[in-house]
Amino acid sequence: MPKGIMLTPEQQTARRQEIIAVALRLIEENGFPKTSMREIAVLANMGKSSLYDFFKTKDEIVVYAVEKEIEETIQKVQRIIAEESSPEQCLRKIMLNHLEVPKQYRTVLMWLNTESDYLKEEYQKRLKTARYAYQDIIKTVIENGVSAGIFRKTDTNLMARLLINSVIAIVYTSRPSASPEKMLEETMNIFLHGIMNDGGEKL
């Protein structure tokens, strides 16, 4: 960004999105450790000092990108909840939406799942806040199902985490048994109805 030229808030937002798109593409191609701020600046067609006007580190770029993606996902989930009265179908639609996270975010999310302890405490807290907001909205759907007598009483925090992690297992598996959508459908069937036959011995 040339010195002395002021960008409008809309232009700043658009520029941030351009930087994020470039950074995520580089991280997907080269991995997080091998991606540098210099490379991001070059591909974003800006000076390194101008890049620092928007983001101080590549860690900040990743955290900001994930925060915004989760915010958009929560907005979509809220629409699903408003339109779907069945807790079971609501959970199925929410998880199907989760499955559709853009590919460029998947590499970053996988890295964060295994390496987030590397981040500064400030960034870890921001990620936790965003993740917990998403987890809590799924927990609310499960709690509504429990209150309605549709789901049995259970640890709703644990159930929300298990659901989210099941999508991670589907997306990153090296031994897919079917399409991601089919695997998700079967996962939801197991999650909601178990794996025992009706006449099976119950513990």
Foldseek 3Di string as FASTA:
>chain_A
DDPPDDDDPVVLVVLLVLLLVLLLVCCVVPNDVPDALCSSQVVSVHDSVVVCVNPVGVLRSLLVVVLVLLVVLVVVLVVLVVVDPDLLVSLLVSLVSVLVRDPSNLRSVVCCVPPVVVDDPVSVVSNVVSVVVSLVVNLVSVVVCCVVVNAPDDDSSVLSVVSSVQSNCLVPPPDHPDHSSVSSVVVSCCSRPNDDDPPDDDD
